[in-house]
Amino acid sequence: MAREILIEGRTIRLGQLLKLAGIIDSGSEAKSLLTGEPVSVNGEPESRRGRQLTAGDRVRVVDQELVIVSKPR
């Protein structure tokens, strides 16, 4: 089951999302995670922590699936 992650604004970077979701504790851990674990965005492999994500994007990391939901304005 996918876990929804609520973001403010229209976009979030992959590294920020991982921190917001509690998968990593700090932004500096994102690089290590992305080189050591398979991460995919919308079914495609991804290794860039700066990848821009928007509402509806699905991120699979470790054993979790995250779905980005944008906060209504």
Protein backbone atom coordinates (compact mmCIF):
# COMPACT_ATOMS: atom_id res chain seq x y z
CA MET A 1 0.00 0.00 0.00
CA ALA A 2 1.39 3.39 -0.96
CA ARG A 3 1.89 6.03 1.69
CA GLU A 4 0.77 9.56 0.83
CA ILE A 5 3.23 12.36 1.56
CA LEU A 6 1.70 15.83 1.71
CA ILE A 7 3.89 18.62 0.34
CA GLU A 8 3.47 22.38 0.36
CA GLY A 9 3.99 24.06 -2.97
CA ARG A 10 4.08 22.46 -6.38
CA THR A 11 7.37 20.54 -6.30
CA ILE A 12 9.79 18.85 -3.94
CA ARG A 13 13.24 17.42 -4.56
CA LEU A 14 13.76 13.70 -4.08
CA GLY A 15 16.24 14.21 -1.22
CA GLN A 16 13.78 16.47 0.60
CA LEU A 17 10.98 13.94 0.11
CA LEU A 18 13.07 11.15 1.61
CA LYS A 19 13.73 13.32 4.66
CA LEU A 20 10.07 14.40 4.96
CA ALA A 21 8.96 10.75 4.78
CA GLY A 22 11.40 9.81 7.56
CA ILE A 23 13.43 7.45 5.40
CA ILE A 24 16.59 9.46 6.03
CA ASP A 25 17.48 11.83 8.87
CA SER A 26 19.37 14.45 6.90
CA GLY A 27 19.83 15.56 3.34
CA SER A 28 23.42 14.37 3.33
CA GLU A 29 22.20 10.76 3.77
CA ALA A 30 20.28 10.96 0.47
CA LYS A 31 23.38 10.46 -1.67
CA SER A 32 24.39 7.31 0.21
CA LEU A 33 20.89 5.90 0.06
CA LEU A 34 20.54 6.59 -3.66
CA THR A 35 23.83 4.83 -4.45
CA GLY A 36 23.19 1.90 -2.12
CA GLU A 37 19.51 1.14 -2.61
CA PRO A 38 17.33 0.85 -5.70
CA VAL A 39 15.07 3.90 -5.96
CA SER A 40 12.51 4.47 -8.68
CA VAL A 41 10.26 7.37 -9.64
CA ASN A 42 7.14 6.41 -11.59
CA GLY A 43 8.69 3.01 -12.32
CA GLU A 44 11.98 4.39 -13.69
CA PRO A 45 15.30 4.04 -11.82
CA GLU A 46 16.47 7.31 -10.25
CA SER A 47 19.77 8.26 -8.61
CA ARG A 48 19.58 12.08 -8.54
CA ARG A 49 18.66 13.49 -5.15
CA GLY A 50 17.77 16.79 -6.81
CA ARG A 51 15.11 15.22 -9.06
CA GLN A 52 12.02 17.46 -9.04
CA LEU A 53 8.83 15.67 -8.05
CA THR A 54 5.24 16.86 -8.32
CA ALA A 55 1.84 15.72 -7.07
CA GLY A 56 0.95 12.27 -8.31
CA ASP A 57 4.55 11.07 -8.64
CA ARG A 58 5.23 7.65 -7.10
CA VAL A 59 8.56 6.91 -5.44
CA ARG A 60 9.61 3.39 -4.49
CA VAL A 61 12.51 3.12 -2.06
CA VAL A 62 13.68 0.23 0.11
CA ASP A 63 10.36 -1.52 0.86
CA GLN A 64 8.09 1.53 0.69
CA GLU A 65 6.06 3.27 -1.97
CA LEU A 66 5.39 6.98 -1.53
CA VAL A 67 2.80 9.02 -3.43
CA ILE A 68 3.15 12.79 -3.48
CA VAL A 69 0.06 14.80 -2.65
CA SER A 70 0.07 18.60 -2.94
CA LYS A 71 -1.62 20.64 -0.23
CA PRO A 72 -4.59 22.57 -1.66
CA ARG A 73 -4.17 26.34 -1.64
